[in-house]
Amino acid sequence: MNNPVLHLSAISKAYKRGLPGEVNVLRGIDLRIEPGEVVALVAPSGAGKSTLLHIAGLLDTADAGQVSICGQDMTGKGDRARTGVRRRDVGFIYQFHHLLPEFSALENIVLPQLANGISANDADTRAHDLLARVGIADRASHRPAALSGGEQQRVAFCRALANEPQLLLADEPTGNLDTETSDQVFGALMDLVAGTGRSALIATHNADLASRMDRILRLENGLLV
């Protein structure tokens, strides 16, 4: 049996917010995502979905519990080890694209590959292939300011998958787009994930988008239901 791409066990997280006591954001979260599985995470604003994604992606640490990525237990590991796993095995997509404005769409996808030791030729080839997969190969030379919102987010999808991570984590990836564009861009994301065989945990408020994934998890009162 293959290891899950992501395994969270008994994850808890609390914050102090200027009031007596603590706010328990996550209370004993258990979650497995299998290879090739795309899972929706549905929660109201402030319920802790971003906190959960940050812990899953090793951007934050839990107060208690275990995080394993691709069979590697990351509990208690130092910054170097966590950074290495993030760079190799995890891709992130946010509500805003966060593309580097001074670089073209193609360059925004090439740069993280170069930082990961990929040759310039191979990085360029993969960037062109990813842009073609999401239908904007003809926009490769355009800088972000010359792209539409939907095109910007498609480039962000490609950048997140540039280093072929096993796990994609997305926080409201179409939240800044109108309904029609959101539907089109989400379709491109699903095709891209399926076409590259990746696993994904995607947070969304959109029930229609969530219904198109393999499984839906709801975060309520710090628990997954």
C-alpha atoms as a PDB file:
ATOM      1  CA  MET A   1       0.000   0.000   0.000  1.00  0.00           C
ATOM      2  CA  ASN A   2       1.345   3.418  -0.951  1.00  0.00           C
ATOM      3  CA  ASN A   3       1.981   6.042   1.690  1.00  0.00           C
ATOM      4  CA  PRO A   4      -0.547   8.877   1.701  1.00  0.00           C
ATOM      5  CA  VAL A   5       0.768  12.052   0.087  1.00  0.00           C
ATOM      6  CA  LEU A   6      -0.399  13.954   3.170  1.00  0.00           C
ATOM      7  CA  HIS A   7      -1.161  12.526   6.604  1.00  0.00           C
ATOM      8  CA  LEU A   8      -2.184  14.762   9.485  1.00  0.00           C
ATOM      9  CA  SER A   9      -2.694  13.065  12.831  1.00  0.00           C
ATOM     10  CA  ALA A  10      -4.231  14.726  15.927  1.00  0.00           C
ATOM     11  CA  ILE A  11      -3.293  18.240  14.770  1.00  0.00           C
ATOM     12  CA  SER A  12      -4.152  20.983  17.277  1.00  0.00           C
ATOM     13  CA  LYS A  13      -3.499  24.713  17.112  1.00  0.00           C
ATOM     14  CA  ALA A  14      -4.528  27.567  19.421  1.00  0.00           C
ATOM     15  CA  TYR A  15      -3.908  31.318  19.328  1.00  0.00           C
ATOM     16  CA  LYS A  16      -3.978  34.058  21.913  1.00  0.00           C
ATOM     17  CA  ARG A  17      -5.908  37.051  20.588  1.00  0.00           C
ATOM     18  CA  GLY A  18      -5.612  39.663  23.304  1.00  0.00           C
ATOM     19  CA  LEU A  19      -8.281  38.026  25.464  1.00  0.00           C
ATOM     20  CA  PRO A  20      -8.006  35.788  28.514  1.00  0.00           C
ATOM     21  CA  GLY A  21      -7.344  32.194  27.525  1.00  0.00           C
ATOM     22  CA  GLU A  22      -6.821  30.852  24.011  1.00  0.00           C
ATOM     23  CA  VAL A  23      -8.845  30.342  20.859  1.00  0.00           C
ATOM     24  CA  ASN A  24      -8.661  26.710  19.747  1.00  0.00           C
ATOM     25  CA  VAL A  25      -8.572  26.909  15.955  1.00  0.00           C
ATOM     26  CA  LEU A  26      -7.830  23.243  15.246  1.00  0.00           C
ATOM     27  CA  ARG A  27      -8.759  20.493  17.697  1.00  0.00           C
ATOM     28  CA  GLY A  28      -7.341  17.092  16.881  1.00  0.00           C
ATOM     29  CA  ILE A  29      -7.479  17.094  13.065  1.00  0.00           C
ATOM     30  CA  ASP A  30      -6.948  13.761  11.294  1.00  0.00           C
ATOM     31  CA  LEU A  31      -6.603  13.764   7.512  1.00  0.00           C
ATOM     32  CA  ARG A  32      -5.204  11.494   4.802  1.00  0.00           C
ATOM     33  CA  ILE A  33      -4.864  12.397   1.136  1.00  0.00           C
ATOM     34  CA  GLU A  34      -3.962   9.515  -1.139  1.00  0.00           C
ATOM     35  CA  PRO A  35      -1.894   9.690  -4.345  1.00  0.00           C
ATOM     36  CA  GLY A  36      -3.918  11.270  -7.154  1.00  0.00           C
ATOM     37  CA  GLU A  37      -6.747  12.386  -4.855  1.00  0.00           C
ATOM     38  CA  VAL A  38      -8.232  15.896  -5.030  1.00  0.00           C
ATOM     39  CA  VAL A  39      -9.972  16.953  -1.817  1.00  0.00           C
ATOM     40  CA  ALA A  40     -12.104  20.023  -1.152  1.00  0.00           C
ATOM     41  CA  LEU A  41     -11.805  21.839   2.173  1.00  0.00           C
ATOM     42  CA  VAL A  42     -14.938  23.873   2.875  1.00  0.00           C
ATOM     43  CA  ALA A  43     -15.152  26.272   5.810  1.00  0.00           C
ATOM     44  CA  PRO A  44     -16.506  29.734   6.645  1.00  0.00           C
ATOM     45  CA  SER A  45     -14.095  32.642   6.980  1.00  0.00           C
ATOM     46  CA  GLY A  46     -12.151  32.502  10.217  1.00  0.00           C
ATOM     47  CA  ALA A  47     -12.738  28.786  10.756  1.00  0.00           C
ATOM     48  CA  GLY A  48      -9.051  27.929  10.415  1.00  0.00           C
ATOM     49  CA  LYS A  49      -8.744  26.574   6.897  1.00  0.00           C
ATOM     50  CA  SER A  50      -5.702  28.751   6.105  1.00  0.00           C
ATOM     51  CA  THR A  51      -4.082  27.651   9.362  1.00  0.00           C
ATOM     52  CA  LEU A  52      -4.700  24.030   8.414  1.00  0.00           C
ATOM     53  CA  LEU A  53      -3.201  24.532   4.949  1.00  0.00           C
ATOM     54  CA  HIS A  54      -0.148  26.308   6.392  1.00  0.00           C
ATOM     55  CA  ILE A  55       0.479  23.462   8.832  1.00  0.00           C
ATOM     56  CA  ALA A  56      -0.012  20.883   6.072  1.00  0.00           C
ATOM     57  CA  GLY A  57       2.462  22.771   3.885  1.00  0.00           C
ATOM     58  CA  LEU A  58       5.042  23.204   6.675  1.00  0.00           C
ATOM     59  CA  LEU A  59       4.672  26.983   6.697  1.00  0.00           C
ATOM     60  CA  ASP A  60       3.434  26.852  10.299  1.00  0.00           C
ATOM     61  CA  THR A  61       3.785  24.380  13.150  1.00  0.00           C
ATOM     62  CA  ALA A  62       1.047  22.708  15.163  1.00  0.00           C
ATOM     63  CA  ASP A  63       0.907  22.821  18.936  1.00  0.00           C
ATOM     64  CA  ALA A  64       0.402  19.059  18.915  1.00  0.00           C
ATOM     65  CA  GLY A  65       0.108  16.251  16.391  1.00  0.00           C
ATOM     66  CA  GLN A  66       2.018  14.780  13.484  1.00  0.00           C
ATOM     67  CA  VAL A  67       2.508  15.918   9.877  1.00  0.00           C
ATOM     68  CA  SER A  68       3.780  13.436   7.295  1.00  0.00           C
ATOM     69  CA  ILE A  69       4.352  14.271   3.639  1.00  0.00           C
ATOM     70  CA  CYS A  70       5.034  11.485   1.149  1.00  0.00           C
ATOM     71  CA  GLY A  71       5.796   9.126   4.020  1.00  0.00           C
ATOM     72  CA  GLN A  72       8.199  11.505   5.760  1.00  0.00           C
ATOM     73  CA  ASP A  73       7.351  12.408   9.346  1.00  0.00           C
ATOM     74  CA  MET A  74       8.107  16.137   9.586  1.00  0.00           C
ATOM     75  CA  THR A  75       7.218  16.492  13.273  1.00  0.00           C
ATOM     76  CA  GLY A  76       9.953  18.398  15.079  1.00  0.00           C
ATOM     77  CA  LYS A  77      12.153  18.735  11.984  1.00  0.00           C
ATOM     78  CA  GLY A  78      14.282  21.868  11.597  1.00  0.00           C
ATOM     79  CA  ASP A  79      13.924  24.700   9.094  1.00  0.00           C
ATOM     80  CA  ARG A  80      16.363  23.199   6.565  1.00  0.00           C
ATOM     81  CA  ALA A  81      14.522  19.880   6.387  1.00  0.00           C
ATOM     82  CA  ARG A  82      11.127  21.577   6.224  1.00  0.00           C
ATOM     83  CA  THR A  83      12.290  23.945   3.478  1.00  0.00           C
ATOM     84  CA  GLY A  84      13.663  21.027   1.467  1.00  0.00           C
ATOM     85  CA  VAL A  85      10.368  19.129   1.598  1.00  0.00           C
ATOM     86  CA  ARG A  86       8.372  22.258   0.742  1.00  0.00           C
ATOM     87  CA  ARG A  87      10.561  22.944  -2.259  1.00  0.00           C
ATOM     88  CA  ARG A  88      10.490  19.369  -3.519  1.00  0.00           C
ATOM     89  CA  ASP A  89       7.093  17.968  -2.577  1.00  0.00           C
ATOM     90  CA  VAL A  90       4.626  20.837  -2.017  1.00  0.00           C
ATOM     91  CA  GLY A  91       3.163  23.476  -4.337  1.00  0.00           C
ATOM     92  CA  PHE A  92       1.133  26.456  -3.113  1.00  0.00           C
ATOM     93  CA  ILE A  93      -1.624  28.504  -4.770  1.00  0.00           C
ATOM     94  CA  TYR A  94      -3.198  31.505  -3.082  1.00  0.00           C
ATOM     95  CA  GLN A  95      -6.248  33.675  -3.762  1.00  0.00           C
ATOM     96  CA  PHE A  96      -3.972  36.353  -5.246  1.00  0.00           C
ATOM     97  CA  HIS A  97      -1.465  35.199  -7.842  1.00  0.00           C
ATOM     98  CA  HIS A  98       1.695  36.773  -6.298  1.00  0.00           C
ATOM     99  CA  LEU A  99       3.519  36.661  -9.631  1.00  0.00           C
ATOM    100  CA  LEU A 100       6.749  38.642  -9.926  1.00  0.00           C
ATOM    101  CA  PRO A 101       5.684  41.725 -11.919  1.00  0.00           C
ATOM    102  CA  GLU A 102       9.025  42.350 -13.633  1.00  0.00           C
ATOM    103  CA  PHE A 103       9.148  38.885 -15.205  1.00  0.00           C
ATOM    104  CA  SER A 104       7.108  37.304 -17.992  1.00  0.00           C
ATOM    105  CA  ALA A 105       4.629  34.487 -17.464  1.00  0.00           C
ATOM    106  CA  LEU A 106       7.218  32.028 -18.725  1.00  0.00           C
ATOM    107  CA  GLU A 107       9.951  33.409 -16.481  1.00  0.00           C
ATOM    108  CA  ASN A 108       7.700  33.213 -13.429  1.00  0.00           C
ATOM    109  CA  ILE A 109       7.449  29.461 -14.044  1.00  0.00           C
ATOM    110  CA  VAL A 110      11.113  28.980 -14.949  1.00  0.00           C
ATOM    111  CA  LEU A 111      12.572  30.753 -11.899  1.00  0.00           C
ATOM    112  CA  PRO A 112      11.453  28.291  -9.190  1.00  0.00           C
ATOM    113  CA  GLN A 113      12.817  25.452 -11.303  1.00  0.00           C
ATOM    114  CA  LEU A 114      16.210  27.123 -11.578  1.00  0.00           C
ATOM    115  CA  ALA A 115      16.226  27.613  -7.803  1.00  0.00           C
ATOM    116  CA  ASN A 116      15.607  23.869  -7.513  1.00  0.00           C
ATOM    117  CA  GLY A 117      18.625  22.993  -9.656  1.00  0.00           C
ATOM    118  CA  ILE A 118      16.833  22.319 -12.956  1.00  0.00           C
ATOM    119  CA  SER A 119      18.759  23.265 -16.092  1.00  0.00           C
ATOM    120  CA  ALA A 120      17.631  26.357 -17.990  1.00  0.00           C
ATOM    121  CA  ASN A 121      16.659  24.320 -21.060  1.00  0.00           C
ATOM    122  CA  ASP A 122      14.617  21.801 -19.101  1.00  0.00           C
ATOM    123  CA  ALA A 123      12.948  24.546 -17.058  1.00  0.00           C
ATOM    124  CA  ASP A 124      12.012  26.432 -20.217  1.00  0.00           C
ATOM    125  CA  THR A 125      10.575  23.310 -21.834  1.00  0.00           C
ATOM    126  CA  ARG A 126       8.486  22.440 -18.795  1.00  0.00           C
ATOM    127  CA  ALA A 127       7.229  26.033 -18.460  1.00  0.00           C
ATOM    128  CA  HIS A 128       6.067  26.072 -22.086  1.00  0.00           C
ATOM    129  CA  ASP A 129       4.349  22.689 -21.602  1.00  0.00           C
ATOM    130  CA  LEU A 130       2.497  23.845 -18.487  1.00  0.00           C
ATOM    131  CA  LEU A 131       1.295  27.045 -20.159  1.00  0.00           C
ATOM    132  CA  ALA A 132       0.031  24.987 -23.095  1.00  0.00           C
ATOM    133  CA  ARG A 133      -1.844  22.671 -20.710  1.00  0.00           C
ATOM    134  CA  VAL A 134      -3.811  25.625 -19.278  1.00  0.00           C
ATOM    135  CA  GLY A 135      -4.452  27.149 -22.690  1.00  0.00           C
ATOM    136  CA  ILE A 136      -2.288  30.269 -22.580  1.00  0.00           C
ATOM    137  CA  ALA A 137       0.855  29.243 -24.474  1.00  0.00           C
ATOM    138  CA  ASP A 138       0.490  32.398 -26.568  1.00  0.00           C
ATOM    139  CA  ARG A 139       0.820  34.568 -23.425  1.00  0.00           C
ATOM    140  CA  ALA A 140       4.240  33.230 -22.408  1.00  0.00           C
ATOM    141  CA  SER A 141       6.114  36.488 -23.063  1.00  0.00           C
ATOM    142  CA  HIS A 142       3.571  38.754 -21.358  1.00  0.00           C
ATOM    143  CA  ARG A 143       4.223  40.230 -17.936  1.00  0.00           C
ATOM    144  CA  PRO A 144       1.508  39.815 -15.265  1.00  0.00           C
ATOM    145  CA  ALA A 145       0.153  43.346 -15.745  1.00  0.00           C
ATOM    146  CA  ALA A 146      -0.667  42.512 -19.369  1.00  0.00           C
ATOM    147  CA  LEU A 147      -2.631  39.393 -18.404  1.00  0.00           C
ATOM    148  CA  SER A 148      -6.261  39.106 -17.341  1.00  0.00           C
ATOM    149  CA  GLY A 149      -7.084  37.937 -13.824  1.00  0.00           C
ATOM    150  CA  GLY A 150      -7.891  34.466 -15.079  1.00  0.00           C
ATOM    151  CA  GLU A 151      -4.645  34.288 -17.042  1.00  0.00           C
ATOM    152  CA  GLN A 152      -2.630  35.471 -14.041  1.00  0.00           C
ATOM    153  CA  GLN A 153      -4.086  32.720 -11.904  1.00  0.00           C
ATOM    154  CA  ARG A 154      -3.411  30.091 -14.564  1.00  0.00           C
ATOM    155  CA  VAL A 155       0.239  31.155 -14.550  1.00  0.00           C
ATOM    156  CA  ALA A 156       0.200  30.830 -10.749  1.00  0.00           C
ATOM    157  CA  PHE A 157      -1.123  27.274 -11.129  1.00  0.00           C
ATOM    158  CA  CYS A 158       1.719  26.456 -13.514  1.00  0.00           C
ATOM    159  CA  ARG A 159       4.296  27.978 -11.170  1.00  0.00           C
ATOM    160  CA  ALA A 160       2.967  25.890  -8.260  1.00  0.00           C
ATOM    161  CA  LEU A 161       3.427  22.702 -10.305  1.00  0.00           C
ATOM    162  CA  ALA A 162       6.706  23.719 -11.933  1.00  0.00           C
ATOM    163  CA  ASN A 163       8.869  21.539  -9.686  1.00  0.00           C
ATOM    164  CA  GLU A 164       6.480  18.571  -9.972  1.00  0.00           C
ATOM    165  CA  PRO A 165       5.418  18.489  -6.303  1.00  0.00           C
ATOM    166  CA  GLN A 166       3.383  15.518  -5.136  1.00  0.00           C
ATOM    167  CA  LEU A 167       1.015  17.723  -3.116  1.00  0.00           C
ATOM    168  CA  LEU A 168      -0.752  20.902  -4.199  1.00  0.00           C
ATOM    169  CA  LEU A 169      -2.278  23.149  -1.522  1.00  0.00           C
ATOM    170  CA  ALA A 170      -4.644  25.873  -2.707  1.00  0.00           C
ATOM    171  CA  ASP A 171      -6.378  28.532  -0.602  1.00  0.00           C
ATOM    172  CA  GLU A 172      -9.430  29.937  -2.442  1.00  0.00           C
ATOM    173  CA  PRO A 173      -7.585  29.755  -5.781  1.00  0.00           C
ATOM    174  CA  THR A 174     -10.442  31.363  -7.734  1.00  0.00           C
ATOM    175  CA  GLY A 175     -11.744  33.635  -4.985  1.00  0.00           C
ATOM    176  CA  ASN A 176     -10.758  36.868  -6.771  1.00  0.00           C
ATOM    177  CA  LEU A 177     -12.452  35.968 -10.054  1.00  0.00           C
ATOM    178  CA  ASP A 178     -15.980  36.456 -11.356  1.00  0.00           C
ATOM    179  CA  THR A 179     -18.236  33.401 -11.578  1.00  0.00           C
ATOM    180  CA  GLU A 180     -17.706  32.623 -15.262  1.00  0.00           C
ATOM    181  CA  THR A 181     -13.939  33.106 -15.127  1.00  0.00           C
ATOM    182  CA  SER A 182     -13.751  31.150 -11.865  1.00  0.00           C
ATOM    183  CA  ASP A 183     -15.453  28.169 -13.468  1.00  0.00           C
ATOM    184  CA  GLN A 184     -13.140  28.229 -16.481  1.00  0.00           C
ATOM    185  CA  VAL A 185      -9.988  28.681 -14.427  1.00  0.00           C
ATOM    186  CA  PHE A 186     -10.989  25.978 -11.954  1.00  0.00           C
ATOM    187  CA  GLY A 187     -11.566  23.607 -14.849  1.00  0.00           C
ATOM    188  CA  ALA A 188      -8.039  24.364 -16.059  1.00  0.00           C
ATOM    189  CA  LEU A 189      -6.684  23.643 -12.572  1.00  0.00           C
ATOM    190  CA  MET A 190      -8.485  20.311 -12.345  1.00  0.00           C
ATOM    191  CA  ASP A 191      -7.259  19.300 -15.793  1.00  0.00           C
ATOM    192  CA  LEU A 192      -3.717  20.310 -14.845  1.00  0.00           C
ATOM    193  CA  VAL A 193      -3.773  18.348 -11.583  1.00  0.00           C
ATOM    194  CA  ALA A 194      -5.273  15.274 -13.253  1.00  0.00           C
ATOM    195  CA  GLY A 195      -2.932  15.524 -16.215  1.00  0.00           C
ATOM    196  CA  THR A 196       0.146  15.586 -13.984  1.00  0.00           C
ATOM    197  CA  GLY A 197      -1.101  12.943 -11.536  1.00  0.00           C
ATOM    198  CA  ARG A 198      -0.822  15.168  -8.483  1.00  0.00           C
ATOM    199  CA  SER A 199      -2.798  15.222  -5.244  1.00  0.00           C
ATOM    200  CA  ALA A 200      -4.454  18.394  -3.993  1.00  0.00           C
ATOM    201  CA  LEU A 201      -6.173  19.916  -0.971  1.00  0.00           C
ATOM    202  CA  ILE A 202      -8.196  22.898  -2.185  1.00  0.00           C
ATOM    203  CA  ALA A 203      -9.978  25.306   0.161  1.00  0.00           C
ATOM    204  CA  THR A 204     -13.039  26.952  -1.349  1.00  0.00           C
ATOM    205  CA  HIS A 205     -16.318  28.627  -0.409  1.00  0.00           C
ATOM    206  CA  ASN A 206     -17.824  27.556  -3.718  1.00  0.00           C
ATOM    207  CA  ALA A 207     -20.067  24.512  -3.269  1.00  0.00           C
ATOM    208  CA  ASP A 208     -20.232  23.885  -7.025  1.00  0.00           C
ATOM    209  CA  LEU A 209     -16.446  23.776  -7.328  1.00  0.00           C
ATOM    210  CA  ALA A 210     -16.187  21.563  -4.240  1.00  0.00           C
ATOM    211  CA  SER A 211     -18.647  19.092  -5.768  1.00  0.00           C
ATOM    212  CA  ARG A 212     -16.282  18.539  -8.699  1.00  0.00           C
ATOM    213  CA  MET A 213     -13.555  17.114  -6.450  1.00  0.00           C
ATOM    214  CA  ASP A 214     -13.115  13.542  -5.233  1.00  0.00           C
ATOM    215  CA  ARG A 215     -14.120  14.264  -1.657  1.00  0.00           C
ATOM    216  CA  ILE A 216     -15.420  17.159   0.458  1.00  0.00           C
ATOM    217  CA  LEU A 217     -14.252  17.887   4.005  1.00  0.00           C
ATOM    218  CA  ARG A 218     -15.879  20.565   6.155  1.00  0.00           C
ATOM    219  CA  LEU A 219     -14.028  22.360   8.923  1.00  0.00           C
ATOM    220  CA  GLU A 220     -16.382  23.252  11.760  1.00  0.00           C
ATOM    221  CA  ASN A 221     -15.470  24.277  15.318  1.00  0.00           C
ATOM    222  CA  GLY A 222     -11.898  23.136  14.800  1.00  0.00           C
ATOM    223  CA  LEU A 223     -12.864  19.653  13.581  1.00  0.00           C
ATOM    224  CA  LEU A 224     -13.196  18.009  10.167  1.00  0.00           C
ATOM    225  CA  VAL A 225     -16.660  16.618   9.480  1.00  0.00           C
END
